[in-house]
Amino acid sequence: MTKRSFLPTLAAAVALTAFAAVPTTQAVARGGGGGGGQVAPSLPADFPSRFPMPAGTLFGSTGSSPHWVVQLTVAGLHQQALDNAIPTFVARGYRVLAHSPVPNATGNATLTNGTLTVGLFTSDIDHGPGANTSALAIQVDLKV
């Protein structure tokens, strides 16, 4: 593996691994006296309101302007999940700057609309027979 082909793999692995270690607005159990509830995951209050969110289930998010990270669970294995997400952005005027299909359960892409730069990183969640779920980490940077 060349250094050039290793970098997208490393970036995806770091993004997905690092996300797990960052406090998020994901579901948090509230205890106290025989029960509690869960707070549904939500986007940060200052997250861009017109952002074209790909189909999926919000798992967590973190950040504040000008940098946010959102994590979704999405249907499809890593490459299919990435290929399904990219048209969501292209249809809203984003240009693909890089699209690196990476073997072995990860993939990544970078897009921009001139104001926001978006990094997409996918990783398979299920690895067994019939697996069909991926994590999609979305890094959003506002040009300041």
N, C-alpha and C. Protein backbone atom coordinates (compact mmCIF):
# COMPACT_ATOMS: atom_id res chain seq x y z
N MET A 1 0.85 -1.17 0.00
CA MET A 1 0.00 0.00 0.00
C MET A 1 0.90 1.24 0.00
N THR A 2 0.65 2.12 -0.92
CA THR A 2 1.46 3.33 -0.98
C THR A 2 1.01 4.31 0.09
N LYS A 3 1.86 5.27 0.39
CA LYS A 3 1.52 6.29 1.37
C LYS A 3 0.27 7.03 0.92
N ARG A 4 0.16 7.31 -0.37
CA ARG A 4 -0.98 8.04 -0.91
C ARG A 4 -2.28 7.27 -0.72
N SER A 5 -2.28 5.94 -0.93
CA SER A 5 -3.51 5.16 -0.77
C SER A 5 -3.81 4.87 0.69
N PHE A 6 -2.82 4.99 1.55
CA PHE A 6 -3.02 4.75 2.97
C PHE A 6 -3.70 5.91 3.66
N LEU A 7 -3.46 7.15 3.19
CA LEU A 7 -3.98 8.33 3.87
C LEU A 7 -5.51 8.37 3.95
N PRO A 8 -6.26 8.06 2.86
CA PRO A 8 -7.72 8.07 3.02
C PRO A 8 -8.20 7.02 4.03
N THR A 9 -7.56 5.85 4.05
CA THR A 9 -7.92 4.82 5.02
C THR A 9 -7.66 5.31 6.43
N LEU A 10 -6.51 5.92 6.63
CA LEU A 10 -6.16 6.44 7.95
C LEU A 10 -7.14 7.54 8.36
N ALA A 11 -7.47 8.44 7.44
CA ALA A 11 -8.39 9.54 7.77
C ALA A 11 -9.75 9.00 8.19
N ALA A 12 -10.26 8.01 7.47
CA ALA A 12 -11.57 7.44 7.81
C ALA A 12 -11.52 6.75 9.16
N ALA A 13 -10.48 5.98 9.39
CA ALA A 13 -10.35 5.28 10.66
C ALA A 13 -10.24 6.25 11.83
N VAL A 14 -9.45 7.28 11.66
CA VAL A 14 -9.29 8.27 12.73
C VAL A 14 -10.60 9.00 12.98
N ALA A 15 -11.30 9.39 11.93
CA ALA A 15 -12.56 10.13 12.11
C ALA A 15 -13.59 9.30 12.85
N LEU A 16 -13.75 8.03 12.46
CA LEU A 16 -14.76 7.20 13.11
C LEU A 16 -14.35 6.82 14.52
N THR A 17 -13.07 6.57 14.74
CA THR A 17 -12.59 6.22 16.07
C THR A 17 -12.62 7.43 16.98
N ALA A 18 -12.16 8.56 16.50
CA ALA A 18 -12.12 9.77 17.32
C ALA A 18 -13.52 10.20 17.71
N PHE A 19 -14.48 10.01 16.82
CA PHE A 19 -15.85 10.43 17.11
C PHE A 19 -16.37 9.72 18.35
N ALA A 20 -16.03 8.46 18.50
CA ALA A 20 -16.52 7.69 19.64
C ALA A 20 -16.00 8.24 20.96
N ALA A 21 -14.86 8.93 20.94
CA ALA A 21 -14.26 9.42 22.16
C ALA A 21 -14.67 10.85 22.51
N VAL A 22 -15.44 11.50 21.64
CA VAL A 22 -15.82 12.89 21.86
C VAL A 22 -17.22 12.94 22.47
N PRO A 23 -17.43 13.78 23.49
CA PRO A 23 -18.78 13.91 24.04
C PRO A 23 -19.73 14.36 22.94
N THR A 24 -20.90 13.75 22.91
CA THR A 24 -21.85 14.06 21.85
C THR A 24 -23.21 14.39 22.43
N THR A 25 -24.10 14.79 21.56
CA THR A 25 -25.48 15.04 21.97
C THR A 25 -26.32 13.80 21.71
N GLN A 26 -25.69 12.63 21.73
CA GLN A 26 -26.43 11.40 21.50
C GLN A 26 -27.30 11.07 22.70
N ALA A 27 -28.05 9.98 22.58
CA ALA A 27 -28.96 9.59 23.64
C ALA A 27 -28.24 9.44 24.97
N VAL A 28 -28.82 10.02 26.00
CA VAL A 28 -28.24 9.97 27.33
C VAL A 28 -29.33 9.51 28.29
N ALA A 29 -29.03 8.47 29.03
CA ALA A 29 -30.01 7.99 30.00
C ALA A 29 -30.08 8.95 31.17
N ARG A 30 -31.29 9.22 31.61
CA ARG A 30 -31.48 10.04 32.81
C ARG A 30 -31.99 9.13 33.90
N GLY A 31 -31.26 9.09 34.98
CA GLY A 31 -31.65 8.20 36.07
C GLY A 31 -32.55 8.90 37.06
N GLY A 32 -32.82 8.19 38.10
CA GLY A 32 -33.55 8.80 39.20
C GLY A 32 -34.88 8.14 39.45
N GLY A 33 -34.97 7.50 40.57
CA GLY A 33 -36.23 7.03 41.11
C GLY A 33 -37.05 6.12 40.23
N GLY A 34 -36.52 4.97 39.91
CA GLY A 34 -37.34 3.95 39.27
C GLY A 34 -37.66 4.17 37.81
N GLY A 35 -36.89 4.89 37.14
CA GLY A 35 -37.16 5.04 35.72
C GLY A 35 -36.44 6.24 35.18
N GLY A 36 -36.54 6.39 33.99
CA GLY A 36 -35.88 7.50 33.35
C GLY A 36 -36.21 7.43 31.89
N GLY A 37 -35.72 8.34 31.19
CA GLY A 37 -35.99 8.35 29.78
C GLY A 37 -34.71 8.52 29.02
N GLN A 38 -34.85 8.63 27.76
CA GLN A 38 -33.70 8.88 26.91
C GLN A 38 -33.97 10.15 26.14
N VAL A 39 -32.94 10.94 26.04
CA VAL A 39 -33.03 12.14 25.23
C VAL A 39 -32.60 11.75 23.82
N ALA A 40 -33.43 12.03 22.85
CA ALA A 40 -33.10 11.67 21.47
C ALA A 40 -31.89 12.46 21.00
N PRO A 41 -31.06 11.84 20.18
CA PRO A 41 -29.92 12.58 19.64
C PRO A 41 -30.40 13.78 18.84
N SER A 42 -29.61 14.84 18.84
CA SER A 42 -29.99 16.03 18.09
C SER A 42 -28.74 16.69 17.52
N LEU A 43 -28.95 17.57 16.58
CA LEU A 43 -27.86 18.32 15.99
C LEU A 43 -27.49 19.48 16.90
N PRO A 44 -26.23 19.93 16.86
CA PRO A 44 -25.87 21.12 17.64
C PRO A 44 -26.77 22.30 17.26
N ALA A 45 -27.03 23.17 18.22
CA ALA A 45 -27.95 24.29 18.01
C ALA A 45 -27.55 25.18 16.84
N ASP A 46 -26.24 25.34 16.61
CA ASP A 46 -25.81 26.23 15.53
C ASP A 46 -25.45 25.48 14.24
N PHE A 47 -25.87 24.22 14.13
CA PHE A 47 -25.61 23.45 12.91
C PHE A 47 -26.35 24.10 11.74
N PRO A 48 -25.73 24.17 10.55
CA PRO A 48 -26.37 24.83 9.40
C PRO A 48 -27.76 24.27 9.11
N SER A 49 -28.77 25.11 9.15
CA SER A 49 -30.16 24.66 9.02
C SER A 49 -30.51 24.15 7.63
N ARG A 50 -29.82 24.61 6.61
CA ARG A 50 -30.13 24.19 5.23
C ARG A 50 -29.18 23.09 4.75
N PHE A 51 -28.54 22.40 5.67
CA PHE A 51 -27.59 21.35 5.30
C PHE A 51 -28.35 20.14 4.75
N PRO A 52 -27.92 19.60 3.61
CA PRO A 52 -28.61 18.46 3.00
C PRO A 52 -28.21 17.14 3.67
N MET A 53 -28.94 16.74 4.70
CA MET A 53 -28.60 15.55 5.46
C MET A 53 -28.99 14.29 4.68
N PRO A 54 -28.05 13.37 4.49
CA PRO A 54 -28.37 12.10 3.82
C PRO A 54 -29.36 11.28 4.66
N ALA A 55 -30.04 10.36 4.01
CA ALA A 55 -30.98 9.48 4.70
C ALA A 55 -30.22 8.61 5.71
N GLY A 56 -30.78 8.47 6.88
CA GLY A 56 -30.18 7.65 7.92
C GLY A 56 -30.75 8.02 9.27
N THR A 57 -30.26 7.37 10.31
CA THR A 57 -30.71 7.62 11.67
C THR A 57 -29.59 8.32 12.42
N LEU A 58 -29.90 9.48 12.99
CA LEU A 58 -28.91 10.24 13.74
C LEU A 58 -28.50 9.45 14.97
N PHE A 59 -27.20 9.23 15.09
CA PHE A 59 -26.64 8.49 16.22
C PHE A 59 -25.99 9.45 17.21
N GLY A 60 -25.40 10.51 16.72
CA GLY A 60 -24.76 11.48 17.61
C GLY A 60 -24.21 12.64 16.82
N SER A 61 -23.84 13.69 17.54
CA SER A 61 -23.26 14.86 16.89
C SER A 61 -22.46 15.64 17.93
N THR A 62 -21.56 16.47 17.43
CA THR A 62 -20.77 17.31 18.31
C THR A 62 -20.26 18.50 17.51
N GLY A 63 -19.75 19.50 18.20
CA GLY A 63 -19.14 20.64 17.54
C GLY A 63 -19.92 21.92 17.69
N SER A 64 -19.31 22.97 17.18
CA SER A 64 -19.94 24.29 17.12
C SER A 64 -19.26 25.04 15.99
N SER A 65 -19.90 26.10 15.54
CA SER A 65 -19.38 26.83 14.39
C SER A 65 -17.93 27.22 14.62
N PRO A 66 -17.08 26.96 13.67
CA PRO A 66 -17.28 26.61 12.27
C PRO A 66 -17.03 25.13 11.95
N HIS A 67 -17.10 24.24 12.95
CA HIS A 67 -16.76 22.83 12.72
C HIS A 67 -17.74 21.93 13.48
N TRP A 68 -18.34 20.99 12.75
CA TRP A 68 -19.27 20.04 13.35
C TRP A 68 -18.97 18.64 12.84
N VAL A 69 -19.39 17.64 13.61
CA VAL A 69 -19.34 16.25 13.18
C VAL A 69 -20.68 15.62 13.53
N VAL A 70 -21.24 14.90 12.57
CA VAL A 70 -22.52 14.22 12.75
C VAL A 70 -22.29 12.75 12.41
N GLN A 71 -22.92 11.86 13.16
CA GLN A 71 -22.81 10.44 12.84
C GLN A 71 -24.20 9.85 12.66
N LEU A 72 -24.36 9.17 11.53
CA LEU A 72 -25.60 8.50 11.20
C LEU A 72 -25.36 7.00 11.07
N THR A 73 -26.39 6.21 11.30
CA THR A 73 -26.37 4.83 10.85
C THR A 73 -27.18 4.81 9.57
N VAL A 74 -26.67 4.14 8.56
CA VAL A 74 -27.30 4.14 7.24
C VAL A 74 -27.36 2.73 6.68
N ALA A 75 -28.29 2.52 5.77
CA ALA A 75 -28.42 1.23 5.11
C ALA A 75 -27.30 1.06 4.10
N GLY A 76 -26.86 -0.15 3.93
CA GLY A 76 -25.85 -0.47 2.93
C GLY A 76 -24.47 -0.60 3.55
N LEU A 77 -23.65 -1.36 2.89
CA LEU A 77 -22.27 -1.49 3.33
C LEU A 77 -21.50 -0.24 2.92
N HIS A 78 -20.27 -0.11 3.38
CA HIS A 78 -19.53 1.15 3.30
C HIS A 78 -19.58 1.83 1.93
N GLN A 79 -19.28 1.11 0.87
CA GLN A 79 -19.23 1.76 -0.44
C GLN A 79 -20.63 2.15 -0.92
N GLN A 80 -21.60 1.28 -0.70
CA GLN A 80 -22.98 1.60 -1.08
C GLN A 80 -23.48 2.79 -0.26
N ALA A 81 -23.17 2.83 1.03
CA ALA A 81 -23.59 3.95 1.88
C ALA A 81 -22.99 5.27 1.39
N LEU A 82 -21.72 5.22 1.02
CA LEU A 82 -21.05 6.42 0.51
C LEU A 82 -21.66 6.84 -0.83
N ASP A 83 -21.84 5.87 -1.72
CA ASP A 83 -22.42 6.17 -3.04
C ASP A 83 -23.86 6.68 -2.93
N ASN A 84 -24.59 6.28 -1.90
CA ASN A 84 -25.95 6.79 -1.68
C ASN A 84 -25.95 8.20 -1.11
N ALA A 85 -24.94 8.54 -0.31
CA ALA A 85 -24.88 9.86 0.33
C ALA A 85 -24.45 10.96 -0.63
N ILE A 86 -23.51 10.67 -1.51
CA ILE A 86 -22.94 11.70 -2.39
C ILE A 86 -24.00 12.42 -3.23
N PRO A 87 -24.95 11.72 -3.86
CA PRO A 87 -25.96 12.43 -4.67
C PRO A 87 -26.82 13.41 -3.87
N THR A 88 -26.99 13.17 -2.57
CA THR A 88 -27.73 14.10 -1.72
C THR A 88 -27.09 15.49 -1.78
N PHE A 89 -25.76 15.52 -1.78
CA PHE A 89 -25.03 16.78 -1.80
C PHE A 89 -24.93 17.36 -3.21
N VAL A 90 -24.67 16.51 -4.19
CA VAL A 90 -24.53 16.97 -5.57
C VAL A 90 -25.84 17.62 -6.03
N ALA A 91 -26.97 17.05 -5.64
CA ALA A 91 -28.28 17.61 -6.02
C ALA A 91 -28.50 19.00 -5.43
N ARG A 92 -27.76 19.34 -4.37
CA ARG A 92 -27.89 20.65 -3.72
C ARG A 92 -26.72 21.58 -4.06
N GLY A 93 -26.00 21.27 -5.15
CA GLY A 93 -24.97 22.18 -5.64
C GLY A 93 -23.56 21.94 -5.13
N TYR A 94 -23.32 20.87 -4.42
CA TYR A 94 -21.96 20.56 -3.95
C TYR A 94 -21.16 19.91 -5.06
N ARG A 95 -19.85 20.18 -5.09
CA ARG A 95 -18.94 19.54 -6.04
C ARG A 95 -18.13 18.49 -5.29
N VAL A 96 -17.89 17.36 -5.95
CA VAL A 96 -17.06 16.31 -5.37
C VAL A 96 -15.60 16.69 -5.61
N LEU A 97 -14.85 16.85 -4.53
CA LEU A 97 -13.42 17.15 -4.63
C LEU A 97 -12.59 15.88 -4.63
N ALA A 98 -13.05 14.88 -3.90
CA ALA A 98 -12.34 13.59 -3.82
C ALA A 98 -13.36 12.52 -3.47
N HIS A 99 -13.16 11.35 -4.03
CA HIS A 99 -14.01 10.19 -3.73
C HIS A 99 -13.09 8.99 -3.76
N SER A 100 -12.81 8.46 -2.59
CA SER A 100 -11.82 7.38 -2.48
C SER A 100 -12.46 6.11 -1.95
N PRO A 101 -12.92 5.25 -2.87
CA PRO A 101 -13.39 3.96 -2.39
C PRO A 101 -12.19 3.21 -1.81
N VAL A 102 -12.33 2.77 -0.60
CA VAL A 102 -11.23 2.07 0.07
C VAL A 102 -11.71 0.67 0.40
N PRO A 103 -10.95 -0.36 0.00
CA PRO A 103 -11.39 -1.73 0.32
C PRO A 103 -11.35 -1.96 1.83
N ASN A 104 -11.91 -3.04 2.25
CA ASN A 104 -11.87 -3.48 3.64
C ASN A 104 -12.74 -2.63 4.56
N ALA A 105 -13.94 -2.37 4.16
CA ALA A 105 -14.98 -1.85 5.04
C ALA A 105 -14.94 -0.36 5.35
N THR A 106 -14.25 0.46 4.55
CA THR A 106 -14.30 1.90 4.76
C THR A 106 -14.37 2.62 3.42
N GLY A 107 -14.71 3.89 3.44
CA GLY A 107 -14.71 4.72 2.25
C GLY A 107 -14.79 6.17 2.67
N ASN A 108 -14.40 7.09 1.78
CA ASN A 108 -14.49 8.51 2.13
C ASN A 108 -14.65 9.36 0.89
N ALA A 109 -15.15 10.57 1.12
CA ALA A 109 -15.32 11.54 0.03
C ALA A 109 -15.27 12.94 0.64
N THR A 110 -14.88 13.91 -0.19
CA THR A 110 -14.86 15.31 0.22
C THR A 110 -15.63 16.10 -0.83
N LEU A 111 -16.53 16.98 -0.35
CA LEU A 111 -17.35 17.80 -1.23
C LEU A 111 -17.35 19.24 -0.72
N THR A 112 -17.70 20.19 -1.60
CA THR A 112 -17.82 21.58 -1.17
C THR A 112 -18.89 22.29 -1.99
N ASN A 113 -19.46 23.31 -1.37
CA ASN A 113 -20.37 24.21 -2.10
C ASN A 113 -19.79 25.62 -2.11
N GLY A 114 -18.53 25.77 -1.71
CA GLY A 114 -17.88 27.07 -1.64
C GLY A 114 -17.96 27.70 -0.27
N THR A 115 -19.00 27.38 0.48
CA THR A 115 -19.16 27.88 1.84
C THR A 115 -18.86 26.80 2.86
N LEU A 116 -19.35 25.60 2.59
CA LEU A 116 -19.12 24.46 3.48
C LEU A 116 -18.28 23.42 2.77
N THR A 117 -17.35 22.83 3.51
CA THR A 117 -16.62 21.66 3.03
C THR A 117 -17.10 20.48 3.86
N VAL A 118 -17.43 19.38 3.19
CA VAL A 118 -18.02 18.23 3.84
C VAL A 118 -17.11 17.02 3.62
N GLY A 119 -16.75 16.36 4.71
CA GLY A 119 -16.02 15.09 4.63
C GLY A 119 -16.97 13.98 5.00
N LEU A 120 -17.06 12.97 4.17
CA LEU A 120 -17.90 11.80 4.43
C LEU A 120 -16.98 10.60 4.68
N PHE A 121 -17.22 9.89 5.76
CA PHE A 121 -16.41 8.72 6.11
C PHE A 121 -17.37 7.59 6.47
N THR A 122 -17.22 6.45 5.81
CA THR A 122 -18.09 5.32 6.10
C THR A 122 -17.29 4.14 6.63
N SER A 123 -17.96 3.37 7.46
CA SER A 123 -17.38 2.14 7.99
C SER A 123 -18.52 1.17 8.25
N ASP A 124 -18.31 -0.09 7.88
CA ASP A 124 -19.34 -1.10 8.13
C ASP A 124 -19.53 -1.28 9.63
N ILE A 125 -20.78 -1.42 10.04
CA ILE A 125 -21.09 -1.73 11.43
C ILE A 125 -21.23 -3.23 11.58
N ASP A 126 -22.02 -3.83 10.68
CA ASP A 126 -22.22 -5.28 10.70
C ASP A 126 -21.16 -5.95 9.84
N HIS A 127 -20.66 -7.08 10.31
CA HIS A 127 -19.64 -7.77 9.53
C HIS A 127 -20.01 -9.21 9.23
N GLY A 128 -21.14 -9.67 9.70
CA GLY A 128 -21.53 -11.05 9.48
C GLY A 128 -22.28 -11.24 8.18
N PRO A 129 -22.69 -12.48 7.92
CA PRO A 129 -23.49 -12.77 6.72
C PRO A 129 -24.77 -11.92 6.74
N GLY A 130 -25.11 -11.36 5.62
CA GLY A 130 -26.31 -10.54 5.51
C GLY A 130 -26.14 -9.14 6.07
N ALA A 131 -24.92 -8.76 6.41
CA ALA A 131 -24.65 -7.43 6.98
C ALA A 131 -25.06 -6.36 5.98
N ASN A 132 -25.70 -5.31 6.50
CA ASN A 132 -26.18 -4.25 5.61
C ASN A 132 -26.33 -2.91 6.33
N THR A 133 -25.45 -2.61 7.27
CA THR A 133 -25.53 -1.35 8.00
C THR A 133 -24.14 -0.74 8.13
N SER A 134 -24.06 0.57 7.93
CA SER A 134 -22.79 1.29 8.06
C SER A 134 -22.96 2.51 8.95
N ALA A 135 -21.83 2.97 9.48
CA ALA A 135 -21.78 4.27 10.14
C ALA A 135 -21.31 5.27 9.10
N LEU A 136 -21.96 6.42 9.08
CA LEU A 136 -21.57 7.50 8.19
C LEU A 136 -21.24 8.70 9.06
N ALA A 137 -19.95 9.04 9.13
CA ALA A 137 -19.53 10.23 9.86
C ALA A 137 -19.43 11.37 8.86
N ILE A 138 -20.02 12.51 9.21
CA ILE A 138 -20.04 13.67 8.33
C ILE A 138 -19.35 14.80 9.05
N GLN A 139 -18.22 15.22 8.50
CA GLN A 139 -17.50 16.36 9.06
C GLN A 139 -17.86 17.58 8.22
N VAL A 140 -18.30 18.65 8.88
CA VAL A 140 -18.75 19.86 8.19
C VAL A 140 -17.89 21.03 8.67
N ASP A 141 -17.25 21.71 7.73
CA ASP A 141 -16.43 22.87 8.06
C ASP A 141 -16.94 24.08 7.30
N LEU A 142 -17.20 25.16 8.04
CA LEU A 142 -17.64 26.42 7.47
C LEU A 142 -16.42 27.24 7.08
N LYS A 143 -16.41 27.72 5.85
CA LYS A 143 -15.31 28.59 5.41
C LYS A 143 -15.45 29.93 6.12
N VAL A 144 -14.41 30.28 6.86
CA VAL A 144 -14.45 31.55 7.60
C VAL A 144 -13.40 32.51 7.09
